[in-house]
Amino acid sequence: MMFSMISPEQKTALKSATVDPAQVSAQGTTVEIPAAAIRAAVPFTSSDLGDSTLSFLNGQWFVTD
């Protein structure tokens, strides 16, 4: 659903986007990734992508809240 809410330019930019590791916070098996950490050819805000929390559970990464 979220992917349908961003512009075609942003969708294209995500294909080559990177994450600024200096803005990522890791604690144990949980990683906090703010939208501001996304480096892409076009800007993204928290309202575009949202800040994400990833958790490593049972050998796999999941987006958690």
Protein backbone atom coordinates (compact mmCIF):
# COMPACT_ATOMS: atom_id res chain seq x y z
CA MET A 1 0.00 0.00 0.00
CA MET A 2 2.75 2.46 0.93
CA PHE A 3 4.53 1.91 -2.40
CA SER A 4 1.40 3.10 -4.26
CA MET A 5 1.46 6.39 -2.31
CA ILE A 6 4.86 7.65 -3.51
CA SER A 7 5.59 9.32 -6.84
CA PRO A 8 7.00 7.48 -9.88
CA GLU A 9 10.24 9.48 -9.45
CA GLN A 10 10.59 8.30 -5.86
CA LYS A 11 9.92 4.67 -6.87
CA THR A 12 12.72 4.87 -9.43
CA ALA A 13 15.05 6.54 -6.92
CA LEU A 14 14.52 3.75 -4.37
CA LYS A 15 16.14 1.27 -6.76
CA SER A 16 19.52 2.92 -6.22
CA ALA A 17 18.98 4.38 -2.74
CA THR A 18 21.37 3.71 0.11
CA VAL A 19 21.09 4.03 3.88
CA ASP A 20 23.34 6.33 5.89
CA PRO A 21 24.62 4.02 8.64
CA ALA A 22 25.45 6.99 10.90
CA GLN A 23 21.71 7.63 11.31
CA VAL A 24 20.79 4.00 12.02
CA SER A 25 20.43 2.84 15.62
CA ALA A 26 20.99 -0.84 16.44
CA GLN A 27 20.27 -2.49 19.78
CA GLY A 28 20.50 -6.25 19.98
CA THR A 29 18.22 -7.72 17.32
CA THR A 30 16.38 -4.44 16.65
CA VAL A 31 17.42 -1.79 14.14
CA GLU A 32 15.80 1.68 13.91
CA ILE A 33 16.00 3.28 10.45
CA PRO A 34 14.68 6.84 10.18
CA ALA A 35 13.44 8.01 6.79
CA ALA A 36 16.12 10.72 6.94
CA ALA A 37 18.76 7.97 6.65
CA ILE A 38 17.59 7.12 3.12
CA ARG A 39 19.94 8.64 0.53
CA ALA A 40 18.36 8.82 -2.91
CA ALA A 41 18.30 11.02 -6.01
CA VAL A 42 15.02 12.55 -4.79
CA PRO A 43 14.13 13.49 -1.19
CA PHE A 44 12.03 11.33 1.11
CA THR A 45 10.40 12.36 4.37
CA SER A 46 8.95 10.40 7.26
CA SER A 47 5.50 10.93 5.76
CA ASP A 48 6.68 9.40 2.44
CA LEU A 49 8.32 6.26 3.81
CA GLY A 50 7.88 6.38 7.54
CA ASP A 51 10.57 5.52 10.02
CA SER A 52 11.10 1.77 10.22
CA THR A 53 12.02 -0.67 12.92
CA LEU A 54 13.48 -3.99 11.80
CA SER A 55 13.75 -6.98 14.12
CA PHE A 56 15.71 -10.18 13.55
CA LEU A 57 13.40 -13.04 14.52
CA ASN A 58 13.95 -16.74 13.88
CA GLY A 59 16.74 -16.09 11.38
CA GLN A 60 14.83 -13.51 9.29
CA TRP A 61 14.40 -9.71 9.28
CA PHE A 62 10.89 -8.31 9.78
CA VAL A 63 9.51 -4.77 9.82
CA THR A 64 8.06 -4.38 13.31
CA ASP A 65 6.35 -1.59 15.18
